Amino acid sequence: MAEAAAVMERSDLGSLAVVEGMTLLGLVTERDIRRAVAAGAHLDATHVSEMMSRDPDTFGPDLDVWDAAAWIAEAGYRHLPVVDDEGALLGIVSPHALLKALVDTV
């Protein structure tokens, strides 16, 4: 988990996808790391699989940005995993990217 936190810090990311091949298994988020630390976990000895958010909701690449924004507002999530029809991870949309897309539509 410490390595995941270091990668997130270096890359200025709020989450990392945990994949097997291109199949999304879960997400490690800033919240997951914060919860682990608050629970007393030693990040050097904790595996990502122990603390990741498993089986997150996913969306297809054709999701309308307004629908995506509504989903984030209702669900309270900060990351939108986007997968293709076969379930392969295409990317993760951040709130910042979503906000920019919304501004561009106006």
Protein backbone atom coordinates (compact mmCIF):
# COMPACT_ATOMS: atom_id res chain seq x y z
CA MET A 1 0.00 0.00 0.00
CA ALA A 2 2.92 2.35 0.65
CA GLU A 3 4.05 1.98 -2.96
CA ALA A 4 0.53 2.77 -4.22
CA ALA A 5 0.44 5.88 -2.02
CA ALA A 6 3.85 6.97 -3.32
CA VAL A 7 2.76 6.52 -6.95
CA MET A 8 -0.40 8.50 -6.29
CA GLU A 9 1.61 11.31 -4.69
CA ARG A 10 4.23 11.44 -7.46
CA SER A 11 1.60 11.38 -10.20
CA ASP A 12 -0.90 13.64 -8.40
CA LEU A 13 -3.64 11.02 -8.71
CA GLY A 14 -6.60 10.50 -6.43
CA SER A 15 -6.92 6.81 -7.26
CA LEU A 16 -5.22 3.85 -8.86
CA ALA A 17 -6.93 1.06 -10.74
CA VAL A 18 -6.18 -2.47 -9.61
CA VAL A 19 -6.38 -4.70 -12.66
CA GLU A 20 -5.80 -8.25 -13.75
CA GLY A 21 -4.79 -7.89 -17.36
CA MET A 22 -7.19 -5.12 -18.36
CA THR A 23 -10.04 -6.27 -16.10
CA LEU A 24 -10.78 -3.88 -13.26
CA LEU A 25 -10.71 -5.60 -9.87
CA GLY A 26 -10.97 -2.50 -7.73
CA LEU A 27 -9.75 1.00 -6.98
CA VAL A 28 -7.34 2.25 -4.38
CA THR A 29 -8.37 5.76 -3.46
CA GLU A 30 -7.13 8.51 -1.20
CA ARG A 31 -10.02 7.59 1.10
CA ASP A 32 -8.89 3.94 1.23
CA ILE A 33 -5.39 4.99 2.25
CA ARG A 34 -6.74 7.42 4.84
CA ARG A 35 -8.98 4.69 6.31
CA ALA A 36 -6.07 2.25 6.44
CA VAL A 37 -3.86 4.75 8.27
CA ALA A 38 -6.66 5.68 10.68
CA ALA A 39 -7.19 1.98 11.42
CA GLY A 40 -3.53 1.63 12.33
CA ALA A 41 -2.44 -0.31 9.25
CA HIS A 42 1.25 -0.33 8.45
CA LEU A 43 1.28 0.69 4.80
CA ASP A 44 4.56 -1.12 4.12
CA ALA A 45 2.99 -4.39 5.28
CA THR A 46 -0.51 -3.91 3.84
CA HIS A 47 -1.36 -5.21 0.39
CA VAL A 48 -3.45 -3.09 -1.96
CA SER A 49 -5.94 -5.96 -2.26
CA GLU A 50 -6.68 -5.69 1.48
CA MET A 51 -7.77 -2.05 1.34
CA MET A 52 -9.00 -1.40 -2.20
CA SER A 53 -12.61 -0.70 -2.99
CA ARG A 54 -13.67 -3.90 -4.75
CA ASP A 55 -15.96 -4.16 -7.76
CA PRO A 56 -16.61 -0.44 -8.18
CA ASP A 57 -19.48 0.79 -10.29
CA THR A 58 -18.31 1.20 -13.88
CA PHE A 59 -19.56 3.10 -16.88
CA GLY A 60 -19.31 2.79 -20.62
CA PRO A 61 -17.47 5.32 -22.77
CA ASP A 62 -20.74 6.70 -24.15
CA LEU A 63 -22.02 7.95 -20.79
CA ASP A 64 -23.18 11.55 -21.12
CA VAL A 65 -21.10 13.99 -19.05
CA TRP A 66 -24.24 15.40 -17.43
CA ASP A 67 -25.32 11.90 -16.38
CA ALA A 68 -21.83 11.27 -15.04
CA ALA A 69 -21.96 14.50 -13.04
CA ALA A 70 -25.37 13.57 -11.63
CA TRP A 71 -24.05 10.15 -10.62
CA ILE A 72 -21.07 11.67 -8.80
CA ALA A 73 -23.33 14.18 -7.05
CA GLU A 74 -25.75 11.46 -5.90
CA ALA A 75 -23.29 8.68 -5.07
CA GLY A 76 -20.52 10.79 -3.58
CA TYR A 77 -17.77 8.96 -5.46
CA ARG A 78 -14.78 10.82 -6.83
CA HIS A 79 -13.71 8.44 -9.59
CA LEU A 80 -15.60 7.05 -12.58
CA PRO A 81 -14.03 3.88 -14.00
CA VAL A 82 -14.81 3.58 -17.70
CA VAL A 83 -14.82 0.12 -19.27
CA ASP A 84 -15.59 -1.23 -22.73
CA ASP A 85 -18.21 -3.85 -23.59
CA GLU A 86 -15.81 -6.66 -22.66
CA GLY A 87 -15.08 -5.10 -19.26
CA ALA A 88 -11.58 -3.87 -20.15
CA LEU A 89 -10.59 -0.73 -18.30
CA LEU A 90 -10.32 2.28 -20.61
CA GLY A 91 -9.59 4.87 -17.93
CA ILE A 92 -10.81 6.67 -14.84
CA VAL A 93 -12.55 10.02 -15.06
CA SER A 94 -11.70 12.43 -12.27
CA PRO A 95 -14.02 15.15 -10.99
CA HIS A 96 -11.63 17.73 -12.45
CA ALA A 97 -11.84 16.18 -15.93
CA LEU A 98 -15.59 15.88 -15.62
CA LEU A 99 -15.96 19.51 -14.59
CA LYS A 100 -13.83 20.60 -17.55
CA ALA A 101 -16.00 18.53 -19.90
CA LEU A 102 -19.14 20.11 -18.45
CA VAL A 103 -17.74 23.62 -18.91
CA ASP A 104 -16.84 22.78 -22.49
CA THR A 105 -20.44 21.75 -23.24
CA VAL A 106 -21.88 25.12 -22.22
